[in-house]
Amino acid sequence: MANPPTYEVHACKYAHLPRKGHEVQIMADPHDADWPMDYFVWVAIPLGEDGRRMIGARPVVIDTGFSAEVGARRGRKMLRDPAVTLRDLGIEPNEIQDVVITHLHYDHVGGWAMFPKARFHIQDKEMNFVTGRHMTKKTFRHAYEVEEVVAMVRALYGDRVVFHDGDEEIVPGLSVHHIGGHTAGIQSVRIWTRNGWLVLASDASHYYWGLHDEKLFAIVFSVADMLSGYDKLKALAGGRVEMVVPGHDAEVMKRYPASTPELAGWAVRLD
């Protein structure tokens, strides 16, 4: 069978947060020092057979970042508006038609309004989670913003939400995969690139130490699902763990080349 369309994939950094090991890891080594977090929005852009961007092709954005207002209230400063970085990459947010929301935590859905024409792709289990009985527990609802959850419900009633149940292809060469663990409905994204399958873990693995050492992030709905999720992420990448990109590890900005010289420090090309 012929290979699916190829994509170029970029990670756009918009915020940074200093963190210590005990703040981000369950049973952290007390000798661990700094584990800073970077915050990203990702974009996948279809390429033609000549390796150039296809005219009229539809990029897919993965997650939207937090809003500046919510970020400030939570002690996280937006360093660069993701919309600016997307435009610097030649992507107009106002024209994006498909946005994958990996999960509905504030730092992944808060920028939804910058995509007025988009459909939002969400797992059934995530919407059920954020509107169901588990949200009676402050531990689970801490990382959600009620107004952002309501915004997704409004988008649903405006015919702008696409639900997925497990693993489904959105467009040729790009699919979503339910992982669970961090939240009940978190999904990761698999994308076909010139180097094979690339997997954007998002918060199914916040750091490389999740994938490599099976350590647990501090916010977790199901420990069992988080651990089995690491195995699924590796399997989706064909066993090539180097093709799995974690959701918040500052090391990502060091491991990949800048998307353009002008975007050094703000965007890296993952493919």
Protein backbone atom coordinates (compact mmCIF):
# COMPACT_ATOMS: atom_id res chain seq x y z
CA MET A 1 0.00 0.00 0.00
CA ALA A 2 1.29 3.45 -0.89
CA ASN A 3 2.50 5.70 1.89
CA PRO A 4 0.09 8.42 3.08
CA PRO A 5 0.79 12.11 2.44
CA THR A 6 3.89 13.48 4.14
CA TYR A 7 3.79 16.35 6.63
CA GLU A 8 6.19 18.87 8.04
CA VAL A 9 5.61 19.31 11.76
CA HIS A 10 6.51 22.22 14.03
CA ALA A 11 6.46 22.73 17.80
CA CYS A 12 5.72 26.36 18.67
CA LYS A 13 6.82 27.39 22.14
CA TYR A 14 4.73 30.06 23.79
CA ALA A 15 5.57 29.85 27.52
CA HIS A 16 8.12 28.49 29.99
CA LEU A 17 7.89 27.56 33.66
CA PRO A 18 10.71 26.66 36.07
CA ARG A 19 9.84 23.45 37.94
CA LYS A 20 11.48 21.17 40.48
CA GLY A 21 11.33 17.40 40.37
CA HIS A 22 8.90 17.09 43.28
CA GLU A 23 6.48 19.44 41.52
CA VAL A 24 6.15 17.40 38.35
CA GLN A 25 6.82 13.77 39.31
CA ILE A 26 5.25 11.26 41.68
CA MET A 27 7.92 9.75 43.97
CA ALA A 28 10.57 12.06 42.53
CA ASP A 29 14.21 11.52 43.42
CA PRO A 30 14.89 14.07 46.20
CA HIS A 31 18.23 14.80 44.52
CA ASP A 32 16.55 15.85 41.26
CA ALA A 33 16.97 19.55 40.67
CA ASP A 34 15.31 21.41 37.81
CA TRP A 35 12.68 20.03 35.42
CA PRO A 36 11.49 23.14 33.58
CA MET A 37 8.36 23.01 31.46
CA ASP A 38 7.92 24.49 28.03
CA TYR A 39 4.43 25.02 26.63
CA PHE A 40 3.71 24.24 22.99
CA VAL A 41 1.23 24.48 20.16
CA TRP A 42 1.95 22.10 17.28
CA VAL A 43 1.11 22.31 13.57
CA ALA A 44 1.27 19.71 10.80
CA ILE A 45 1.48 20.96 7.21
CA PRO A 46 0.86 18.64 4.21
CA LEU A 47 3.61 18.36 1.62
CA GLY A 48 3.45 17.41 -2.04
CA GLU A 49 5.48 14.69 -3.71
CA ASP A 50 8.19 17.26 -4.38
CA GLY A 51 8.57 17.89 -0.64
CA ARG A 52 7.08 21.37 -0.87
CA ARG A 53 3.93 22.62 0.79
CA MET A 54 0.87 21.72 -1.23
CA ILE A 55 -1.03 24.70 -2.61
CA GLY A 56 -4.43 24.84 -0.97
CA ALA A 57 -3.55 22.10 1.51
CA ARG A 58 -5.10 22.28 4.97
CA PRO A 59 -2.71 22.39 7.93
CA VAL A 60 -3.87 20.76 11.15
CA VAL A 61 -3.17 22.48 14.46
CA ILE A 62 -2.73 20.39 17.59
CA ASP A 63 -3.76 22.21 20.78
CA THR A 64 -4.18 25.94 21.23
CA GLY A 65 -2.19 26.95 24.33
CA PHE A 66 -3.56 28.90 27.26
CA SER A 67 -5.11 32.34 27.15
CA ALA A 68 -2.91 35.17 28.43
CA GLU A 69 -5.49 36.01 31.10
CA VAL A 70 -5.82 32.49 32.49
CA GLY A 71 -2.07 31.94 32.28
CA ALA A 72 -1.39 35.09 34.29
CA ARG A 73 -3.93 34.07 36.94
CA ARG A 74 -2.19 30.70 37.24
CA GLY A 75 1.29 32.22 37.38
CA ARG A 76 2.26 31.34 33.81
CA LYS A 77 3.27 34.18 31.50
CA MET A 78 2.72 33.92 27.78
CA LEU A 79 6.09 34.77 26.23
CA ARG A 80 4.99 34.75 22.59
CA ASP A 81 1.48 34.60 21.17
CA PRO A 82 1.12 31.26 19.32
CA ALA A 83 -0.88 33.04 16.61
CA VAL A 84 2.18 35.18 15.83
CA THR A 85 4.42 32.12 15.52
CA LEU A 86 1.91 30.34 13.30
CA ARG A 87 1.74 33.36 11.01
CA ASP A 88 5.55 33.47 10.91
CA LEU A 89 5.35 29.88 9.67
CA GLY A 90 2.95 30.93 6.94
CA ILE A 91 -0.15 29.60 8.74
CA GLU A 92 -3.16 31.89 9.17
CA PRO A 93 -5.09 30.86 12.33
CA ASN A 94 -8.29 32.43 11.01
CA GLU A 95 -8.29 29.92 8.14
CA ILE A 96 -7.51 26.73 10.07
CA GLN A 97 -10.30 24.19 9.66
CA ASP A 98 -9.16 21.36 11.95
CA VAL A 99 -7.76 21.64 15.48
CA VAL A 100 -7.02 18.57 17.57
CA ILE A 101 -7.57 19.16 21.28
CA THR A 102 -5.51 16.48 23.00
CA HIS A 103 -7.33 17.16 26.27
CA LEU A 104 -9.23 20.05 27.80
CA HIS A 105 -6.72 21.30 30.37
CA TYR A 106 -6.39 25.09 30.31
CA ASP A 107 -2.97 25.08 28.63
CA HIS A 108 -4.19 22.99 25.69
CA VAL A 109 -7.60 24.47 24.91
CA GLY A 110 -7.44 28.04 26.25
CA GLY A 111 -6.54 29.61 22.89
CA TRP A 112 -9.54 28.12 21.06
CA ALA A 113 -10.89 31.55 20.06
CA MET A 114 -7.97 32.22 17.68
CA PHE A 115 -9.43 29.57 15.34
CA PRO A 116 -12.91 30.91 14.46
CA LYS A 117 -13.47 28.53 11.52
CA ALA A 118 -12.06 25.37 13.05
CA ARG A 119 -13.69 22.13 14.03
CA PHE A 120 -12.33 20.80 17.32
CA HIS A 121 -11.45 17.10 17.48
CA ILE A 122 -11.97 15.67 20.99
CA GLN A 123 -12.27 12.20 22.45
CA ASP A 124 -15.70 11.13 23.72
CA LYS A 125 -14.10 10.13 27.02
CA GLU A 126 -12.61 13.60 27.57
CA MET A 127 -15.91 15.44 27.14
CA ASN A 128 -17.63 12.88 29.35
CA PHE A 129 -14.88 13.33 31.94
CA VAL A 130 -15.05 17.13 32.14
CA THR A 131 -18.85 17.24 32.32
CA GLY A 132 -19.38 14.24 34.59
CA ARG A 133 -19.13 13.15 38.19
CA HIS A 134 -15.32 13.23 38.39
CA MET A 135 -15.41 17.03 38.28
CA THR A 136 -16.93 17.02 41.76
CA LYS A 137 -13.36 16.34 42.92
CA LYS A 138 -11.10 19.40 43.09
CA THR A 139 -8.07 17.23 42.39
CA PHE A 140 -9.39 16.34 38.94
CA ARG A 141 -10.85 19.71 38.00
CA HIS A 142 -7.88 21.81 39.12
CA ALA A 143 -6.31 22.01 35.64
CA TYR A 144 -9.60 22.76 33.87
CA GLU A 145 -11.25 26.14 33.38
CA VAL A 146 -15.04 26.03 33.53
CA GLU A 147 -15.46 28.77 30.92
CA GLU A 148 -13.27 26.85 28.49
CA VAL A 149 -15.27 23.68 29.04
CA VAL A 150 -18.44 25.69 28.45
CA ALA A 151 -16.89 27.13 25.28
CA MET A 152 -16.42 23.60 23.96
CA VAL A 153 -20.03 22.77 24.79
CA ARG A 154 -21.09 25.88 22.89
CA ALA A 155 -18.87 24.82 20.00
CA LEU A 156 -20.61 21.43 20.09
CA TYR A 157 -24.00 23.10 19.74
CA GLY A 158 -22.55 25.19 16.93
CA ASP A 159 -21.59 22.04 14.98
CA ARG A 160 -17.89 22.64 15.56
CA VAL A 161 -16.91 19.60 17.62
CA VAL A 162 -15.92 16.25 16.10
CA PHE A 163 -15.91 13.36 18.56
CA HIS A 164 -13.58 10.40 18.36
CA ASP A 165 -13.85 7.07 20.14
CA GLY A 166 -10.38 5.62 20.42
CA ASP A 167 -8.10 5.59 17.38
CA GLU A 168 -9.30 7.35 14.24
CA GLU A 169 -7.83 9.00 11.15
CA ILE A 170 -8.70 12.68 10.77
CA VAL A 171 -7.09 13.21 7.36
CA PRO A 172 -4.81 10.86 5.40
CA GLY A 173 -1.52 10.54 7.24
CA LEU A 174 -2.74 12.07 10.52
CA SER A 175 -4.68 10.22 13.19
CA VAL A 176 -5.68 10.57 16.84
CA HIS A 177 -5.22 7.84 19.44
CA HIS A 178 -6.84 7.61 22.85
CA ILE A 179 -4.21 7.10 25.54
CA GLY A 180 -5.74 8.03 28.90
CA GLY A 181 -3.79 8.26 32.13
CA HIS A 182 -3.15 11.95 32.63
CA THR A 183 -6.87 12.56 32.04
CA ALA A 184 -9.58 10.07 31.20
CA GLY A 185 -9.75 11.16 27.57
CA ILE A 186 -6.33 12.41 26.60
CA GLN A 187 -5.36 11.58 23.02
CA SER A 188 -2.06 11.71 21.14
CA VAL A 189 -1.49 12.38 17.44
CA ARG A 190 0.40 10.27 14.91
CA ILE A 191 1.67 11.96 11.74
CA TRP A 192 3.42 10.56 8.68
CA THR A 193 6.69 12.41 7.93
CA ARG A 194 9.72 12.02 5.68
CA ASN A 195 11.32 10.13 8.59
CA GLY A 196 8.37 7.82 9.23
CA TRP A 197 5.69 8.01 11.89
CA LEU A 198 6.03 10.90 14.33
CA VAL A 199 3.95 10.78 17.50
CA LEU A 200 3.02 13.94 19.38
CA ALA A 201 2.44 12.54 22.85
CA SER A 202 1.15 15.80 24.30
CA ASP A 203 0.60 15.15 28.01
CA ALA A 204 0.41 11.38 27.64
CA SER A 205 4.12 11.86 28.39
CA HIS A 206 5.05 15.31 29.65
CA TYR A 207 8.80 14.59 29.71
CA TYR A 208 11.23 12.19 28.09
CA TRP A 209 11.56 10.47 31.47
CA GLY A 210 8.01 9.21 31.12
CA LEU A 211 8.81 7.38 27.90
CA HIS A 212 12.27 6.19 28.89
CA ASP A 213 11.95 5.55 32.61
CA GLU A 214 8.19 5.00 33.04
CA LYS A 215 8.02 7.65 35.72
CA LEU A 216 4.68 9.23 36.60
CA PHE A 217 3.69 12.86 36.12
CA ALA A 218 2.18 14.52 39.17
CA ILE A 219 -1.31 15.00 37.68
CA VAL A 220 -2.79 11.61 36.88
CA PHE A 221 -6.28 10.17 36.57
CA SER A 222 -5.19 6.55 36.10
CA VAL A 223 -1.71 5.30 36.92
CA ALA A 224 -2.33 2.06 35.04
CA ASP A 225 -3.42 3.90 31.89
CA MET A 226 -0.50 6.31 32.08
CA LEU A 227 1.98 3.43 32.24
CA SER A 228 0.33 1.42 29.47
CA GLY A 229 0.09 4.64 27.49
CA TYR A 230 3.88 4.85 27.30
CA ASP A 231 3.89 1.45 25.61
CA LYS A 232 1.19 2.52 23.17
CA LEU A 233 3.08 5.69 22.24
CA LYS A 234 6.17 3.65 21.40
CA ALA A 235 4.12 1.16 19.39
CA LEU A 236 2.51 3.98 17.40
CA ALA A 237 6.01 5.14 16.46
CA GLY A 238 6.89 1.65 15.26
CA GLY A 239 9.09 1.05 18.28
CA ARG A 240 11.23 4.10 17.51
CA VAL A 241 11.02 5.94 20.81
CA GLU A 242 13.06 8.80 19.32
CA MET A 243 10.03 9.58 17.12
CA VAL A 244 7.82 10.29 20.14
CA VAL A 245 7.76 13.95 21.20
CA PRO A 246 6.73 14.69 24.83
CA GLY A 247 4.32 17.47 25.66
CA HIS A 248 6.27 19.82 27.94
CA ASP A 249 9.94 18.84 28.05
CA ALA A 250 12.21 21.87 27.55
CA GLU A 251 14.70 19.45 25.99
CA VAL A 252 12.54 19.43 22.82
CA MET A 253 13.81 22.90 21.91
CA LYS A 254 17.38 21.59 22.10
CA ARG A 255 16.94 18.35 20.19
CA TYR A 256 15.41 19.75 17.01
CA PRO A 257 16.49 22.47 14.58
CA ALA A 258 14.82 25.86 14.49
CA SER A 259 11.92 26.03 12.06
CA THR A 260 13.50 29.12 10.53
CA PRO A 261 16.49 31.21 11.61
CA GLU A 262 14.12 33.99 12.66
CA LEU A 263 12.16 31.62 14.90
CA ALA A 264 15.17 30.26 16.80
CA GLY A 265 14.09 29.74 20.39
CA TRP A 266 10.40 29.82 19.48
CA ALA A 267 9.74 27.04 16.99
CA VAL A 268 11.49 23.82 16.02
CA ARG A 269 10.86 21.44 13.14
CA LEU A 270 10.12 17.94 14.39
CA ASP A 271 10.07 15.97 11.14
